[in-house]
Amino acid sequence: MQLTLYGKPDCPLCDELKAELQVVQPTIGFTLHERNIEDNANDFARFRYLIPVLDIDGGELLFPPHTRYRLVQALQAAQARTA
């Protein structure tokens, strides 16, 4: 499963989400890609007031607030769709 984290440097909420992802990664296998919204005008326009945003397998977008429960539910649902 491929995840894309839209964020930017010096973003405490982005750092919190990355830490949560590291905790659940051993149980729910995925590859995490990070995109700095400041590097892409379209990403910046789309997400600048919403970060961190997590794109799960090019489908569902998970917007804040992020809790571990909500994160695990979304990842498990994505796994079930691809199984």
C-alpha atoms as a PDB file:
ATOM      1  CA  MET A   1       0.000   0.000   0.000  1.00  0.00           C
ATOM      2  CA  GLN A   2       1.287   3.465  -0.894  1.00  0.00           C
ATOM      3  CA  LEU A   3       0.695   6.503   1.332  1.00  0.00           C
ATOM      4  CA  THR A   4       1.490  10.101   0.467  1.00  0.00           C
ATOM      5  CA  LEU A   5       1.783  12.628   3.263  1.00  0.00           C
ATOM      6  CA  TYR A   6       1.208  16.206   2.150  1.00  0.00           C
ATOM      7  CA  GLY A   7       2.891  18.560   4.587  1.00  0.00           C
ATOM      8  CA  LYS A   8       5.682  21.065   4.940  1.00  0.00           C
ATOM      9  CA  PRO A   9       8.820  21.557   7.043  1.00  0.00           C
ATOM     10  CA  ASP A  10       8.423  22.791  10.617  1.00  0.00           C
ATOM     11  CA  CYS A  11       4.865  21.478  10.842  1.00  0.00           C
ATOM     12  CA  PRO A  12       4.222  19.972  14.302  1.00  0.00           C
ATOM     13  CA  LEU A  13       1.001  18.302  13.159  1.00  0.00           C
ATOM     14  CA  CYS A  14       2.872  16.693  10.247  1.00  0.00           C
ATOM     15  CA  ASP A  15       5.517  15.412  12.660  1.00  0.00           C
ATOM     16  CA  GLU A  16       2.814  13.959  14.928  1.00  0.00           C
ATOM     17  CA  LEU A  17       1.178  12.146  12.019  1.00  0.00           C
ATOM     18  CA  LYS A  18       4.544  10.751  10.849  1.00  0.00           C
ATOM     19  CA  ALA A  19       5.175   9.451  14.379  1.00  0.00           C
ATOM     20  CA  GLU A  20       1.751   7.740  14.438  1.00  0.00           C
ATOM     21  CA  LEU A  21       2.448   6.192  11.046  1.00  0.00           C
ATOM     22  CA  GLN A  22       5.750   4.801  12.313  1.00  0.00           C
ATOM     23  CA  VAL A  23       3.917   3.151  15.207  1.00  0.00           C
ATOM     24  CA  VAL A  24       1.337   1.398  13.002  1.00  0.00           C
ATOM     25  CA  GLN A  25       3.624   0.579  10.049  1.00  0.00           C
ATOM     26  CA  PRO A  26       4.875  -2.759  11.449  1.00  0.00           C
ATOM     27  CA  THR A  27       1.298  -4.064  11.712  1.00  0.00           C
ATOM     28  CA  ILE A  28      -0.076  -2.479   8.560  1.00  0.00           C
ATOM     29  CA  GLY A  29       2.497  -2.616   5.801  1.00  0.00           C
ATOM     30  CA  PHE A  30       2.828   0.478   3.635  1.00  0.00           C
ATOM     31  CA  THR A  31       5.346   2.706   1.934  1.00  0.00           C
ATOM     32  CA  LEU A  32       5.253   6.360   2.943  1.00  0.00           C
ATOM     33  CA  HIS A  33       6.062   9.130   0.479  1.00  0.00           C
ATOM     34  CA  GLU A  34       6.280  12.711   1.702  1.00  0.00           C
ATOM     35  CA  ARG A  35       5.398  15.718  -0.426  1.00  0.00           C
ATOM     36  CA  ASN A  36       6.311  19.219   0.626  1.00  0.00           C
ATOM     37  CA  ILE A  37       3.392  21.379  -0.468  1.00  0.00           C
ATOM     38  CA  GLU A  38       5.727  24.341  -0.742  1.00  0.00           C
ATOM     39  CA  ASP A  39       7.478  22.638  -3.676  1.00  0.00           C
ATOM     40  CA  ASN A  40       4.357  22.454  -5.839  1.00  0.00           C
ATOM     41  CA  ALA A  41       1.975  25.355  -6.502  1.00  0.00           C
ATOM     42  CA  ASN A  42      -1.016  23.051  -7.017  1.00  0.00           C
ATOM     43  CA  ASP A  43      -0.368  21.150  -3.794  1.00  0.00           C
ATOM     44  CA  PHE A  44       0.078  24.437  -1.928  1.00  0.00           C
ATOM     45  CA  ALA A  45      -3.160  25.887  -3.270  1.00  0.00           C
ATOM     46  CA  ARG A  46      -5.054  22.701  -2.532  1.00  0.00           C
ATOM     47  CA  PHE A  47      -3.724  21.828   0.935  1.00  0.00           C
ATOM     48  CA  ARG A  48      -2.135  24.880   2.556  1.00  0.00           C
ATOM     49  CA  TYR A  49      -4.886  25.259   5.172  1.00  0.00           C
ATOM     50  CA  LEU A  50      -5.475  21.526   5.611  1.00  0.00           C
ATOM     51  CA  ILE A  51      -2.105  19.881   6.304  1.00  0.00           C
ATOM     52  CA  PRO A  52      -1.231  17.262   7.159  1.00  0.00           C
ATOM     53  CA  VAL A  53      -3.246  15.391   4.549  1.00  0.00           C
ATOM     54  CA  LEU A  54      -2.715  11.693   3.983  1.00  0.00           C
ATOM     55  CA  ASP A  55      -3.463  10.166   0.580  1.00  0.00           C
ATOM     56  CA  ILE A  56      -4.128   6.463   1.021  1.00  0.00           C
ATOM     57  CA  ASP A  57      -3.289   4.455  -2.089  1.00  0.00           C
ATOM     58  CA  GLY A  58      -4.282   7.269  -4.446  1.00  0.00           C
ATOM     59  CA  GLY A  59      -7.856   7.151  -3.196  1.00  0.00           C
ATOM     60  CA  GLU A  60      -9.165   8.319   0.125  1.00  0.00           C
ATOM     61  CA  LEU A  61      -7.754  11.531   1.560  1.00  0.00           C
ATOM     62  CA  LEU A  62      -7.517  11.641   5.334  1.00  0.00           C
ATOM     63  CA  PHE A  63      -7.779  15.169   6.714  1.00  0.00           C
ATOM     64  CA  PRO A  64      -7.068  16.393  10.272  1.00  0.00           C
ATOM     65  CA  PRO A  65      -7.740  15.818  13.032  1.00  0.00           C
ATOM     66  CA  HIS A  66      -5.769  12.575  12.962  1.00  0.00           C
ATOM     67  CA  THR A  67      -6.168  10.044  15.731  1.00  0.00           C
ATOM     68  CA  ARG A  68      -4.528   6.644  15.838  1.00  0.00           C
ATOM     69  CA  TYR A  69      -7.958   4.971  15.834  1.00  0.00           C
ATOM     70  CA  ARG A  70      -9.105   6.876  12.742  1.00  0.00           C
ATOM     71  CA  LEU A  71      -5.770   6.296  11.020  1.00  0.00           C
ATOM     72  CA  VAL A  72      -5.817   2.537  11.638  1.00  0.00           C
ATOM     73  CA  GLN A  73      -9.439   2.285  10.492  1.00  0.00           C
ATOM     74  CA  ALA A  74      -8.666   4.078   7.219  1.00  0.00           C
ATOM     75  CA  LEU A  75      -5.563   1.969   6.562  1.00  0.00           C
ATOM     76  CA  GLN A  76      -7.374  -1.297   7.309  1.00  0.00           C
ATOM     77  CA  ALA A  77     -10.246  -0.299   5.031  1.00  0.00           C
ATOM     78  CA  ALA A  78      -7.762   0.449   2.238  1.00  0.00           C
ATOM     79  CA  GLN A  79      -6.082  -2.919   2.792  1.00  0.00           C
ATOM     80  CA  ALA A  80      -9.441  -4.690   2.583  1.00  0.00           C
ATOM     81  CA  ARG A  81     -10.216  -2.964  -0.730  1.00  0.00           C
ATOM     82  CA  THR A  82      -6.970  -4.172  -2.281  1.00  0.00           C
ATOM     83  CA  ALA A  83      -7.180  -7.740  -0.956  1.00  0.00           C
END
